[in-house]
Protein backbone atom coordinates (compact mmCIF):
# COMPACT_ATOMS: atom_id res chain seq x y z
CA MET A 1 128.29 14.01 68.37
CA ASN A 2 126.23 15.30 70.96
CA ALA A 3 122.86 16.61 70.07
CA PHE A 4 122.67 19.53 72.50
CA ALA A 5 126.19 20.78 72.24
CA SER A 6 125.07 23.12 69.06
CA ALA A 7 121.18 23.59 70.67
CA PRO A 8 121.14 27.12 72.20
CA SER A 9 119.81 27.22 75.61
CA ARG A 10 116.24 28.70 75.62
CA ALA A 11 117.66 31.04 78.72
CA SER A 12 120.25 32.79 76.72
CA SER A 13 117.94 32.80 73.67
CA GLY A 14 114.77 33.78 74.71
CA TRP A 15 112.56 35.80 76.36
CA LEU A 16 114.27 35.15 79.72
CA PRO A 17 116.83 37.41 79.24
CA ARG A 18 114.84 40.41 77.73
CA LEU A 19 112.79 40.54 80.36
CA PHE A 20 115.37 40.82 83.01
CA GLY A 21 116.60 43.60 80.90
CA VAL A 22 113.81 45.43 81.27
CA VAL A 23 113.60 44.97 84.94
CA LEU A 24 117.07 45.82 85.24
CA ALA A 25 116.51 48.98 83.38
CA LEU A 26 113.51 49.72 85.68
CA ILE A 27 115.81 49.16 88.59
CA GLY A 28 118.64 51.52 86.93
CA LEU A 29 116.12 54.02 86.48
CA ALA A 30 114.85 54.40 89.76
CA LEU A 31 118.28 54.32 91.74
CA ALA A 32 119.68 57.31 89.19
CA ALA A 33 116.55 59.23 90.09
CA GLY A 34 117.02 58.50 93.63
CA GLY A 35 120.56 59.05 93.18
CA THR A 36 119.76 62.41 91.79
CA TYR A 37 117.75 63.54 94.65
CA LEU A 38 120.37 62.30 97.03
CA ALA A 39 123.02 64.21 95.31
CA VAL A 40 121.33 66.91 95.18
CA LEU A 41 120.14 67.12 98.69
CA GLY A 42 124.66 66.52 99.42
CA GLY A 43 124.50 63.02 100.04
CA SER A 44 126.35 60.18 98.23
CA TRP A 45 127.04 60.61 94.45
CA TYR A 46 127.78 57.00 93.91
CA TYR A 47 123.64 55.88 93.56
CA LEU A 48 123.67 58.31 90.36
CA PRO A 49 126.42 55.87 88.25
CA ALA A 50 125.23 52.55 89.69
CA GLY A 51 121.81 53.53 88.47
CA LEU A 52 123.02 54.59 85.25
CA GLY A 53 125.27 51.83 84.83
CA LEU A 54 122.39 49.13 85.39
CA LEU A 55 119.91 51.13 83.02
CA VAL A 56 122.94 50.78 80.19
CA SER A 57 123.44 47.11 81.29
CA GLY A 58 119.50 46.54 81.23
CA ALA A 59 119.20 47.86 77.69
CA LEU A 60 122.39 45.70 76.40
CA TYR A 61 120.30 42.71 77.87
CA LEU A 62 117.09 43.77 75.91
CA ARG A 63 119.43 43.88 73.08
CA ARG A 64 121.28 40.67 73.60
CA ARG A 65 124.81 41.87 73.79
CA PRO A 66 127.32 40.09 75.95
CA LEU A 67 128.39 43.38 77.39
CA ALA A 68 125.63 43.27 79.87
CA GLY A 69 126.90 41.15 82.09
CA TRP A 70 130.31 42.49 82.20
CA LEU A 71 128.77 45.45 82.79
CA LEU A 72 126.43 44.37 85.70
CA GLY A 73 129.82 42.50 87.04
CA ALA A 74 131.63 45.80 86.77
CA VAL A 75 128.90 47.55 88.66
CA ALA A 76 128.28 45.11 90.96
CA LEU A 77 132.33 45.13 91.95
CA ALA A 78 132.32 49.01 92.11
CA THR A 79 129.75 49.08 94.87
CA LEU A 80 131.46 46.49 96.75
CA ALA A 81 134.45 48.56 96.89
CA TRP A 82 132.10 51.72 97.59
CA SER A 83 130.58 49.78 100.10
CA LEU A 84 133.04 48.60 102.02
CA TRP A 85 134.65 52.31 101.84
CA GLU A 86 132.23 53.83 103.05
CA VAL A 87 130.89 51.18 106.36
CA GLY A 88 133.98 49.28 106.26
CA ALA A 89 133.56 45.50 107.28
CA SER A 90 131.10 45.30 109.34
CA PHE A 91 128.76 42.63 108.31
CA TRP A 92 125.01 44.43 109.03
CA PRO A 93 126.31 47.33 107.30
CA LEU A 94 126.87 45.61 104.06
CA VAL A 95 124.17 43.66 103.60
CA PRO A 96 121.67 46.07 102.54
CA ARG A 97 124.39 47.49 100.10
CA LEU A 98 125.59 44.35 98.99
CA ALA A 99 122.35 41.46 98.61
CA PRO A 100 120.37 43.46 95.67
CA PHE A 101 123.96 43.33 93.82
CA VAL A 102 124.44 39.20 94.64
CA VAL A 103 121.14 38.71 93.50
CA LEU A 104 121.27 40.85 90.42
CA GLY A 105 124.42 39.28 89.42
CA ALA A 106 123.38 36.04 90.09
CA ALA A 107 120.46 36.30 87.23
CA GLY A 108 122.51 38.05 84.98
CA ALA A 109 125.20 35.66 85.17
CA LEU A 110 122.12 32.99 84.72
CA LEU A 111 121.09 34.48 81.65
CA GLN A 112 124.56 36.16 80.36
CA PRO A 113 123.91 36.92 76.52
CA CYS A 114 126.07 34.85 74.43
């Protein structure tokens, strides 16, 4: 029997996923607030629901719920679809829309609660 098989990983059971949850929730709050302002000005409505999704996902990371990573992944996939719809397959316009979600998605996958 492997002695490490039943030991929980420090990343998934420690303070790091909770810190990520706080950071993700703050990013979501800022994105939702900016998205609300943008929608009021007649701009894209996408940032409001994306921000709310990140805010809820951050709260779920804080509570160490497995749904957190799934919700973060859903927001990232929705962002990919929205980005392709908005700018097409042009590389440089896609970079600022997708790069933050690639970073957040990678960190979220590494810190996924069990």
